[in-house]
Amino acid sequence: MKYKMKTSLFLVACFLYFNQLFAQEQQLQQLMTQYGIPGIQLVCIKGKKEKSVNLGTIGGKSDKKVTSYTIFEAASLSKCVFAYAVLRLYDKGIINLDTPLMRYIGSYERFDPADPRYVKISARMVLRHTTGLPNWGDDKFARLIFAPDSTFSYSGEGFQYLQRVIEKLTNKSLNEIAQEEVFIPLGMNSSSYVWTDKFETLSAFGNDSNAVNGHKRQMAAASLLSTAHDYAIFLRALMKGTGLKPGTHRMMFEKQSAGIWFHHRVTQANEHIWWGLGIGLQENERGQWVWQWGDNGDFKGFCIANPKKKEALVYFTHSTWGLHITSDILNTFFSQQTWWSNTWIGYEFYEKKNMLAFWSALDKQGYDHALEITRDLKQNDTSFNLPESDVNDLGFILLRKGMKKESIDIFKYNLAANPGSSNAYDSLAEGYDDIGEKELAIENFRKSFELNPQNTYAADRVKKLEEGK
């Protein structure tokens, strides 16, 4: 009798598990369809349990299925792995976090020699994004945008500088360091900061020669190639503090800088976001989470972990809109809560509730009825608002999905609502350009440039369209 009862309980548990997983996959599939995302690779950790989800195709013109072995660009999730490696080297006494990096390297060609302030930059400033460096500089220099360590501003340039220092101190390449400090010790067999031949049939960008050549440069800030499975191994190690001294592990997750981003929009999320050493921190009703987003053009990814609850999630996509669904994904796999990180990075619709209501009505009534739909929604709620940027995003989502007529309708609506906007004209021109309406594209690109003479892209498109290119 006891054996039968245990078997029955086991079968019920299995049924509930697979039923929940099926529901989660269904929700993911709906999100992918809505936003035109071709595929996703995801791993969710809850204690010792791990769920792996692979849906759709790798994107582009390929019908190749996403599997657990598909290699994605991890984009800025590269930074967390590099930060962990740097802290391992700190524990070994190879680098001091507060020693000015210029003492180790002597000079750096990306720095303007006329500005003496660079000499103050330390590894700690790099890891907590307070160097004063821009995210990316121009072709020649990475000029300071504020005095080092005076405020927060996310910077890939800082990580590239620290990479150069670490490579000099160890006399090894970035990928050699990562192999020794991270990949081999943790068993991350599908990860590399540089292209390797074993990725030939597995990469999410296929065998495109330009993409392959682009991954021959090792970048601490953005060049990691990996899988969600491998990154989940890293997140488990990060939560446990594997490979780090206890004090170093605690320091990594301490609030090192407030997430009030220099010259960026301030929202309620700023009250809940900080930066540790190489990783973001957010506090919500379920405690402190560590997180990072990734954006390499069409490659988008996200990771988050709650060390106390032993919960984590990482996903990779090959889609411009891959970060628009982050909070929906998190609420699908975890309990409903406030995800301040997603509000802070600003990839999702600013007025998400309003935009989803608007989008739903458009699907039912037709995209050419956008003005009437907005009027009706505002009658029901006088505070109803649709930001120009949100509507613009919707237009491009539709365009990428192949809903070209509908996208033109939305771009026209956005222009009618914002008649003095250079960006609205530019987006409408993009839509016309895509469907081959050359004269209308030229007309709207020209108007965009008239309103904003700094929009050199619009001027260039006018020139090329007139030349028949």
Protein backbone atom coordinates (compact mmCIF):
# COMPACT_ATOMS: atom_id res chain seq x y z
CA MET A 1 0.00 0.00 0.00
CA LYS A 2 2.81 2.43 0.92
CA TYR A 3 4.59 1.64 -2.37
CA LYS A 4 1.42 2.33 -4.37
CA MET A 5 0.87 5.61 -2.50
CA LYS A 6 4.45 6.76 -3.17
CA THR A 7 4.08 5.83 -6.85
CA SER A 8 0.82 7.75 -7.09
CA LEU A 9 2.33 10.84 -5.44
CA PHE A 10 5.30 10.63 -7.80
CA LEU A 11 3.02 10.42 -10.83
CA VAL A 12 0.96 13.38 -9.60
CA ALA A 13 4.15 15.41 -9.07
CA CYS A 14 5.35 14.52 -12.58
CA PHE A 15 1.98 15.48 -14.06
CA LEU A 16 1.99 18.85 -12.28
CA TYR A 17 5.59 19.54 -13.31
CA PHE A 18 5.08 18.78 -17.00
CA ASN A 19 1.71 20.55 -17.03
CA GLN A 20 3.34 23.70 -15.61
CA LEU A 21 6.25 23.46 -18.06
CA PHE A 22 3.82 23.07 -20.96
CA ALA A 23 1.89 26.16 -19.81
CA GLN A 24 5.14 28.13 -19.50
CA GLU A 25 6.24 27.09 -22.98
CA GLN A 26 2.83 28.06 -24.36
CA GLN A 27 3.16 31.50 -22.78
CA LEU A 28 6.65 31.91 -24.23
CA GLN A 29 5.42 30.87 -27.66
CA GLN A 30 2.63 33.46 -27.50
CA LEU A 31 5.12 36.18 -26.57
CA MET A 32 7.44 35.15 -29.41
CA THR A 33 4.58 35.22 -31.90
CA GLN A 34 3.33 38.60 -30.67
CA TYR A 35 6.72 40.29 -30.90
CA GLY A 36 8.02 38.41 -33.93
CA ILE A 37 10.85 36.68 -32.05
CA PRO A 38 12.03 33.63 -34.04
CA GLY A 39 13.49 31.60 -31.19
CA ILE A 40 14.57 31.51 -27.57
CA GLN A 41 16.95 29.48 -25.42
CA LEU A 42 16.19 29.60 -21.68
CA VAL A 43 17.17 27.93 -18.42
CA CYS A 44 15.39 28.50 -15.10
CA ILE A 45 16.89 27.38 -11.78
CA LYS A 46 14.92 26.80 -8.58
CA GLY A 47 17.07 25.18 -5.94
CA LYS A 48 18.40 21.90 -7.32
CA LYS A 49 15.76 21.83 -10.07
CA GLU A 50 16.49 23.19 -13.52
CA LYS A 51 14.15 23.76 -16.46
CA SER A 52 15.46 24.11 -19.98
CA VAL A 53 13.33 25.54 -22.79
CA ASN A 54 14.35 25.78 -26.45
CA LEU A 55 11.77 27.11 -28.88
CA GLY A 56 11.68 28.27 -32.48
CA THR A 57 14.49 28.85 -34.95
CA ILE A 58 17.81 30.70 -34.85
CA GLY A 59 16.39 33.56 -36.92
CA GLY A 60 17.25 35.32 -40.14
CA LYS A 61 16.35 33.19 -43.14
CA SER A 62 17.29 29.96 -41.40
CA ASP A 63 14.77 27.31 -40.34
CA LYS A 64 17.37 25.71 -38.08
CA LYS A 65 15.86 24.86 -34.71
CA VAL A 66 17.16 26.31 -31.44
CA THR A 67 18.52 23.54 -29.21
CA SER A 68 20.36 23.46 -25.88
CA TYR A 69 23.60 23.43 -27.89
CA THR A 70 22.90 26.51 -30.01
CA ILE A 71 25.61 29.15 -29.46
CA PHE A 72 24.34 32.70 -28.91
CA GLU A 73 26.06 36.03 -28.50
CA ALA A 74 25.89 36.72 -24.77
CA ALA A 75 26.51 40.43 -25.42
CA SER A 76 26.93 42.33 -22.12
CA LEU A 77 26.40 39.18 -20.09
CA SER A 78 30.10 38.89 -20.98
CA LYS A 79 30.80 41.53 -18.33
CA CYS A 80 29.65 39.40 -15.39
CA VAL A 81 31.90 36.49 -16.37
CA PHE A 82 34.87 38.83 -16.82
CA ALA A 83 34.18 40.52 -13.47
CA TYR A 84 34.18 37.11 -11.77
CA ALA A 85 37.55 36.32 -13.39
CA VAL A 86 38.97 39.68 -12.25
CA LEU A 87 37.84 39.00 -8.67
CA ARG A 88 39.49 35.58 -8.83
CA LEU A 89 42.72 37.34 -9.81
CA TYR A 90 42.16 39.83 -6.98
CA ASP A 91 41.92 36.93 -4.54
CA LYS A 92 45.26 35.67 -5.90
CA GLY A 93 46.89 39.06 -5.33
CA ILE A 94 47.48 39.73 -9.02
CA ILE A 95 45.51 42.99 -9.05
CA ASN A 96 44.35 45.49 -6.44
CA LEU A 97 40.87 46.88 -7.01
CA ASP A 98 41.76 50.39 -5.85
CA THR A 99 45.17 50.88 -7.43
CA PRO A 100 44.96 53.28 -10.40
CA LEU A 101 45.14 51.05 -13.48
CA MET A 102 47.55 53.39 -15.23
CA ARG A 103 50.22 52.26 -12.76
CA TYR A 104 49.94 48.77 -14.21
CA ILE A 105 49.75 49.70 -17.88
CA GLY A 106 51.63 52.99 -18.26
CA SER A 107 49.53 54.31 -21.15
CA TYR A 108 46.40 53.52 -23.14
CA GLU A 109 45.81 54.67 -26.71
CA ARG A 110 42.05 55.18 -26.26
CA PHE A 111 42.62 57.97 -23.70
CA ASP A 112 43.05 61.61 -24.64
CA PRO A 113 46.62 62.49 -23.56
CA ALA A 114 45.53 66.08 -22.84
CA ASP A 115 43.23 64.93 -19.99
CA PRO A 116 45.05 63.97 -16.75
CA ARG A 117 41.93 62.63 -15.02
CA TYR A 118 42.22 59.14 -16.55
CA VAL A 119 45.03 58.28 -14.12
CA LYS A 120 42.49 58.01 -11.28
CA ILE A 121 40.52 55.13 -12.82
CA SER A 122 40.74 51.86 -10.84
CA ALA A 123 39.39 48.35 -11.34
CA ARG A 124 36.68 48.98 -8.75
CA MET A 125 35.48 52.02 -10.72
CA VAL A 126 35.33 49.92 -13.88
CA LEU A 127 33.34 47.13 -12.24
CA ARG A 128 30.84 49.51 -10.63
CA HIS A 129 30.65 51.75 -13.75
CA THR A 130 31.90 54.99 -12.22
CA THR A 131 34.96 55.57 -14.44
CA GLY A 132 33.48 58.62 -16.21
CA LEU A 133 34.00 56.86 -19.54
CA PRO A 134 31.14 56.68 -22.08
CA ASN A 135 29.60 53.34 -22.98
CA TRP A 136 31.56 53.57 -26.24
CA GLY A 137 33.77 56.40 -27.48
CA ASP A 138 34.48 57.43 -31.06
CA ASP A 139 36.96 55.89 -33.50
CA LYS A 140 39.91 57.61 -31.83
CA PHE A 141 39.24 58.36 -28.17
CA ALA A 142 37.05 57.42 -25.24
CA ARG A 143 36.73 60.89 -23.72
CA LEU A 144 35.58 61.31 -20.13
CA ILE A 145 32.01 62.53 -19.69
CA PHE A 146 32.50 63.32 -15.98
CA ALA A 147 35.24 63.13 -13.34
CA PRO A 148 36.13 59.52 -12.40
CA ASP A 149 34.17 58.08 -9.46
CA SER A 150 31.76 61.02 -9.20
CA THR A 151 28.60 59.24 -10.44
CA PHE A 152 27.33 56.18 -12.36
CA SER A 153 27.38 55.68 -16.13
CA TYR A 154 27.39 52.26 -17.76
CA SER A 155 30.59 51.78 -19.76
CA GLY A 156 31.82 49.08 -22.11
CA GLU A 157 34.94 51.20 -22.68
CA GLY A 158 35.85 50.75 -19.02
CA PHE A 159 35.74 46.97 -19.34
CA GLN A 160 37.93 47.08 -22.44
CA TYR A 161 40.47 49.16 -20.52
CA LEU A 162 40.47 46.71 -17.60
CA GLN A 163 40.82 43.83 -20.06
CA ARG A 164 43.98 45.38 -21.46
CA VAL A 165 45.39 45.73 -17.93
CA ILE A 166 44.55 42.14 -16.95
CA GLU A 167 46.08 40.81 -20.17
CA LYS A 168 49.31 42.70 -19.43
CA LEU A 169 49.46 41.56 -15.80
CA THR A 170 48.97 37.90 -16.71
CA ASN A 171 50.66 37.93 -20.12
CA LYS A 172 47.64 36.01 -21.41
CA SER A 173 44.73 36.75 -23.72
CA LEU A 174 41.24 37.40 -22.36
CA ASN A 175 40.01 33.99 -23.48
CA GLU A 176 42.98 32.21 -21.93
CA ILE A 177 42.24 33.96 -18.64
CA ALA A 178 38.55 33.07 -18.88
CA GLN A 179 39.38 29.44 -19.64
CA GLU A 180 41.67 29.17 -16.62
CA GLU A 181 39.58 31.15 -14.14
CA VAL A 182 36.02 30.38 -15.22
CA PHE A 183 35.25 27.99 -18.08
CA ILE A 184 37.43 25.01 -17.13
CA PRO A 185 36.90 25.16 -13.33
CA LEU A 186 33.11 25.44 -13.75
CA GLY A 187 32.77 23.05 -16.69
CA MET A 188 31.46 25.64 -19.15
CA ASN A 189 32.42 23.65 -22.23
CA SER A 190 30.43 25.70 -24.75
CA SER A 191 31.71 29.17 -23.87
CA SER A 192 34.42 31.33 -25.42
CA TYR A 193 35.25 35.02 -25.84
CA VAL A 194 36.51 34.28 -29.35
CA TRP A 195 35.27 32.21 -32.30
CA THR A 196 36.31 28.55 -32.33
CA ASP A 197 35.76 26.00 -35.09
CA LYS A 198 33.51 23.87 -32.88
CA PHE A 199 30.87 26.63 -33.18
CA GLU A 200 30.74 26.14 -36.97
CA THR A 201 27.45 24.22 -37.02
CA LEU A 202 26.04 25.51 -33.73
CA SER A 203 26.06 29.32 -33.84
CA ALA A 204 22.78 31.23 -33.88
CA PHE A 205 24.09 33.42 -36.71
CA GLY A 206 24.90 30.41 -38.92
CA ASN A 207 28.09 30.54 -40.93
CA ASP A 208 27.91 34.20 -41.94
CA SER A 209 31.50 35.18 -42.69
CA ASN A 210 31.09 38.75 -41.42
CA ALA A 211 29.70 37.51 -38.11
CA VAL A 212 32.47 34.94 -37.75
CA ASN A 213 35.17 37.52 -38.50
CA GLY A 214 33.56 39.88 -35.98
CA HIS A 215 34.04 37.27 -33.26
CA LYS A 216 37.76 36.98 -33.80
CA ARG A 217 38.23 40.05 -31.59
CA GLN A 218 38.11 39.29 -27.86
CA MET A 219 36.08 41.80 -25.86
CA ALA A 220 35.47 41.58 -22.12
CA ALA A 221 32.44 43.83 -22.53
CA ALA A 222 30.59 41.97 -25.24
CA SER A 223 32.18 39.08 -27.19
CA LEU A 224 31.23 36.05 -25.08
CA LEU A 225 29.69 33.20 -27.08
CA SER A 226 27.76 30.77 -24.92
CA THR A 227 24.57 28.82 -24.26
CA ALA A 228 21.88 29.28 -21.62
CA HIS A 229 22.95 25.94 -20.14
CA ASP A 230 26.56 27.09 -19.73
CA TYR A 231 25.50 30.44 -18.35
CA ALA A 232 23.21 28.72 -15.85
CA ILE A 233 26.29 26.85 -14.57
CA PHE A 234 27.95 30.23 -14.07
CA LEU A 235 24.88 31.63 -12.27
CA ARG A 236 24.88 28.69 -9.86
CA ALA A 237 28.55 29.35 -9.10
CA LEU A 238 27.86 33.06 -8.72
CA MET A 239 25.04 32.46 -6.23
CA LYS A 240 27.17 30.07 -4.16
CA GLY A 241 30.36 32.10 -4.37
CA THR A 242 32.21 29.13 -5.86
CA GLY A 243 35.84 30.01 -6.57
CA LEU A 244 35.82 33.27 -4.59
CA LYS A 245 36.86 34.03 -1.05
CA PRO A 246 33.77 34.63 1.12
CA GLY A 247 34.63 38.30 1.67
CA THR A 248 35.16 38.84 -2.06
CA HIS A 249 31.86 37.17 -2.86
CA ARG A 250 30.03 39.40 -0.37
CA MET A 251 31.79 42.48 -1.78
CA MET A 252 30.69 41.58 -5.32
CA PHE A 253 27.04 41.75 -4.26
CA GLU A 254 27.32 44.84 -2.04
CA LYS A 255 25.93 48.18 -3.21
CA GLN A 256 28.98 49.79 -4.79
CA SER A 257 27.21 52.56 -6.73
CA ALA A 258 23.67 53.90 -7.05
CA GLY A 259 22.01 53.26 -10.40
CA ILE A 260 21.26 56.92 -11.15
CA TRP A 261 22.58 56.93 -14.69
CA PHE A 262 24.35 60.11 -15.79
CA HIS A 263 22.11 62.16 -18.13
CA HIS A 264 19.45 59.41 -18.29
CA ARG A 265 15.78 59.50 -17.47
CA VAL A 266 15.08 59.21 -13.73
CA THR A 267 12.17 56.96 -12.78
CA GLN A 268 10.89 55.24 -9.66
CA ALA A 269 13.13 52.32 -10.60
CA ASN A 270 16.22 54.35 -9.64
CA GLU A 271 15.24 53.93 -5.99
CA HIS A 272 15.61 50.15 -6.34
CA ILE A 273 18.69 49.75 -8.58
CA TRP A 274 22.36 49.69 -7.60
CA TRP A 275 25.53 48.21 -9.03
CA GLY A 276 27.80 45.72 -7.33
CA LEU A 277 31.15 44.67 -8.79
CA GLY A 278 30.44 43.70 -12.38
CA ILE A 279 26.76 43.00 -11.90
CA GLY A 280 23.53 44.94 -11.36
CA LEU A 281 21.48 44.74 -8.15
CA GLN A 282 17.76 45.25 -7.68
CA GLU A 283 15.61 45.08 -4.56
CA ASN A 284 11.93 44.25 -4.71
CA GLU A 285 9.28 42.63 -2.53
CA ARG A 286 11.12 39.27 -2.75
CA GLY A 287 14.55 40.55 -1.75
CA GLN A 288 17.76 41.31 -3.62
CA TRP A 289 18.40 40.01 -7.12
CA VAL A 290 21.57 40.28 -9.18
CA TRP A 291 21.12 40.82 -12.91
CA GLN A 292 22.52 41.92 -16.26
CA TRP A 293 21.08 42.56 -19.71
CA GLY A 294 22.74 42.00 -23.08
CA ASP A 295 22.28 43.89 -26.35
CA ASN A 296 24.41 43.18 -29.40
CA GLY A 297 22.08 44.52 -32.10
CA ASP A 298 19.77 41.64 -33.00
CA PHE A 299 21.14 39.50 -30.18
CA LYS A 300 19.42 40.17 -26.86
CA GLY A 301 19.76 38.33 -23.57
CA PHE A 302 19.08 38.64 -19.86
CA CYS A 303 20.08 36.94 -16.62
CA ILE A 304 18.89 37.33 -13.05
CA ALA A 305 19.51 35.46 -9.80
CA ASN A 306 18.36 35.53 -6.18
CA PRO A 307 21.18 33.95 -4.12
CA LYS A 308 19.11 33.62 -0.94
CA LYS A 309 16.23 31.85 -2.66
CA LYS A 310 18.58 29.93 -4.99
CA GLU A 311 16.56 31.03 -8.00
CA ALA A 312 17.96 32.17 -11.34
CA LEU A 313 17.04 32.51 -14.99
CA VAL A 314 18.94 33.23 -18.18
CA TYR A 315 17.70 33.49 -21.75
CA PHE A 316 19.10 34.32 -25.17
CA THR A 317 17.31 35.44 -28.35
CA HIS A 318 18.28 36.53 -31.84
CA SER A 319 15.78 39.37 -32.14
CA THR A 320 15.72 43.15 -31.83
CA TRP A 321 12.70 42.77 -29.54
CA GLY A 322 14.16 40.10 -27.27
CA LEU A 323 14.27 42.44 -24.25
CA HIS A 324 10.70 43.69 -24.68
CA ILE A 325 9.43 40.45 -23.12
CA THR A 326 11.75 40.18 -20.10
CA SER A 327 9.27 40.98 -17.34
CA ASP A 328 6.67 38.69 -18.97
CA ILE A 329 9.21 35.87 -19.00
CA LEU A 330 10.17 36.46 -15.36
CA ASN A 331 6.53 36.52 -14.28
CA THR A 332 5.96 33.28 -16.21
CA PHE A 333 8.70 31.37 -14.39
CA PHE A 334 8.67 33.12 -11.00
CA SER A 335 5.92 34.52 -8.82
CA GLN A 336 4.44 37.87 -9.88
CA GLN A 337 6.57 40.73 -8.56
CA THR A 338 8.08 44.07 -9.51
CA TRP A 339 11.00 43.79 -11.89
CA TRP A 340 12.67 47.18 -11.46
CA SER A 341 15.61 46.16 -13.62
CA ASN A 342 13.42 46.05 -16.73
CA THR A 343 11.92 49.47 -16.07
CA TRP A 344 15.42 50.84 -15.47
CA ILE A 345 16.99 49.64 -18.73
CA GLY A 346 13.97 50.95 -20.67
CA TYR A 347 13.64 48.31 -23.39
CA GLU A 348 10.02 47.47 -22.68
CA PHE A 349 7.16 49.81 -23.48
CA TYR A 350 7.21 52.72 -21.02
CA GLU A 351 3.42 52.56 -20.80
CA LYS A 352 3.12 48.81 -21.18
CA LYS A 353 -0.44 48.40 -19.92
CA ASN A 354 -1.69 51.13 -22.26
CA MET A 355 0.29 49.85 -25.23
CA LEU A 356 -0.96 46.28 -24.82
CA ALA A 357 -4.56 47.53 -24.63
CA PHE A 358 -3.96 49.64 -27.74
CA TRP A 359 -2.31 46.74 -29.57
CA SER A 360 -5.13 44.35 -28.68
CA ALA A 361 -7.73 46.80 -29.99
CA LEU A 362 -5.72 47.28 -33.20
CA ASP A 363 -5.71 43.52 -33.79
CA LYS A 364 -9.49 43.40 -33.39
CA GLN A 365 -10.54 46.59 -35.16
CA GLY A 366 -7.76 47.10 -37.69
CA TYR A 367 -4.54 49.10 -37.65
CA ASP A 368 -6.02 51.83 -39.81
CA HIS A 369 -8.39 52.66 -36.92
CA ALA A 370 -5.61 53.75 -34.54
CA LEU A 371 -6.98 57.29 -34.10
CA GLU A 372 -10.49 56.12 -33.23
CA ILE A 373 -9.13 53.45 -30.89
CA THR A 374 -7.02 56.01 -29.02
CA ARG A 375 -10.02 58.33 -28.76
CA ASP A 376 -12.15 55.54 -27.25
CA LEU A 377 -9.44 54.48 -24.80
CA LYS A 378 -8.98 58.07 -23.63
CA GLN A 379 -12.73 58.45 -23.08
CA ASN A 380 -12.60 55.46 -20.73
CA ASP A 381 -9.46 56.75 -18.99
CA THR A 382 -8.55 60.44 -19.23
CA SER A 383 -4.97 59.68 -18.09
CA PHE A 384 -4.45 57.24 -20.98
CA ASN A 385 -1.16 58.04 -22.70
CA LEU A 386 0.83 56.51 -25.57
CA PRO A 387 4.46 57.71 -25.67
CA GLU A 388 5.85 58.41 -29.12
CA SER A 389 8.73 55.97 -28.56
CA ASP A 390 6.35 53.14 -27.60
CA VAL A 391 4.22 53.62 -30.71
CA ASN A 392 7.39 53.83 -32.81
CA ASP A 393 8.57 50.51 -31.38
CA LEU A 394 5.24 48.92 -32.25
CA GLY A 395 5.59 50.11 -35.84
CA PHE A 396 9.00 48.45 -36.16
CA ILE A 397 7.82 45.26 -34.45
CA LEU A 398 5.12 44.98 -37.09
CA LEU A 399 7.57 45.78 -39.89
CA ARG A 400 9.95 43.03 -38.73
CA LYS A 401 7.02 40.60 -38.57
CA GLY A 402 6.21 41.31 -42.21
CA MET A 403 3.03 43.24 -41.37
CA LYS A 404 4.12 46.07 -43.64
CA LYS A 405 0.79 47.76 -44.33
CA GLU A 406 -0.03 47.70 -40.61
CA SER A 407 3.37 49.17 -39.73
CA ILE A 408 2.80 52.05 -42.18
CA ASP A 409 -0.58 52.67 -40.53
CA ILE A 410 1.10 52.92 -37.12
CA PHE A 411 3.91 55.16 -38.36
CA LYS A 412 1.32 57.48 -39.96
CA TYR A 413 -0.67 57.52 -36.73
CA ASN A 414 2.45 58.36 -34.72
CA LEU A 415 3.29 61.22 -37.08
CA ALA A 416 -0.25 62.58 -36.81
CA ALA A 417 0.05 62.49 -33.01
CA ASN A 418 3.56 64.04 -33.09
CA PRO A 419 3.65 66.27 -36.21
CA GLY A 420 6.88 68.05 -35.27
CA SER A 421 8.89 64.91 -34.62
CA SER A 422 11.92 64.25 -36.80
CA ASN A 423 11.97 60.66 -35.57
CA ALA A 424 8.34 60.07 -36.57
CA TYR A 425 9.11 61.21 -40.12
CA ASP A 426 12.26 59.08 -40.16
CA SER A 427 10.35 55.96 -39.08
CA LEU A 428 7.60 56.49 -41.66
CA ALA A 429 10.34 56.90 -44.27
CA GLU A 430 11.86 53.59 -43.12
CA GLY A 431 8.50 51.92 -43.62
CA TYR A 432 8.07 53.34 -47.12
CA ASP A 433 11.66 52.43 -47.96
CA ASP A 434 11.01 48.85 -46.90
CA ILE A 435 7.97 48.44 -49.16
CA GLY A 436 9.67 50.09 -52.14
CA GLU A 437 7.80 53.43 -52.10
CA LYS A 438 10.92 55.35 -53.09
CA GLU A 439 9.43 58.85 -53.57
CA LEU A 440 7.50 58.74 -50.29
CA ALA A 441 10.61 57.48 -48.50
CA ILE A 442 12.69 60.37 -49.91
CA GLU A 443 10.01 62.90 -48.99
CA ASN A 444 9.83 61.76 -45.38
CA PHE A 445 13.58 61.29 -44.90
CA ARG A 446 14.06 64.84 -46.25
CA LYS A 447 11.46 66.22 -43.82
CA SER A 448 13.13 64.38 -40.95
CA PHE A 449 16.48 65.94 -41.83
CA GLU A 450 14.93 69.42 -42.09
CA LEU A 451 13.55 69.08 -38.57
CA ASN A 452 16.80 67.63 -37.23
CA PRO A 453 19.93 68.53 -39.27
CA GLN A 454 21.94 66.19 -37.04
CA ASN A 455 20.09 63.21 -38.49
CA THR A 456 22.81 62.40 -40.99
CA TYR A 457 21.32 58.95 -41.54
CA ALA A 458 18.21 60.53 -43.12
CA ALA A 459 20.36 62.73 -45.35
CA ASP A 460 22.42 59.71 -46.42
CA ARG A 461 19.29 57.70 -47.23
CA VAL A 462 17.94 60.55 -49.40
CA LYS A 463 21.21 60.66 -51.32
CA LYS A 464 21.33 56.89 -51.84
CA LEU A 465 17.66 56.61 -52.83
CA GLU A 466 18.08 59.41 -55.35
CA GLU A 467 21.10 57.55 -56.76
CA GLY A 468 18.99 54.41 -57.00
CA LYS A 469 20.86 52.49 -54.28
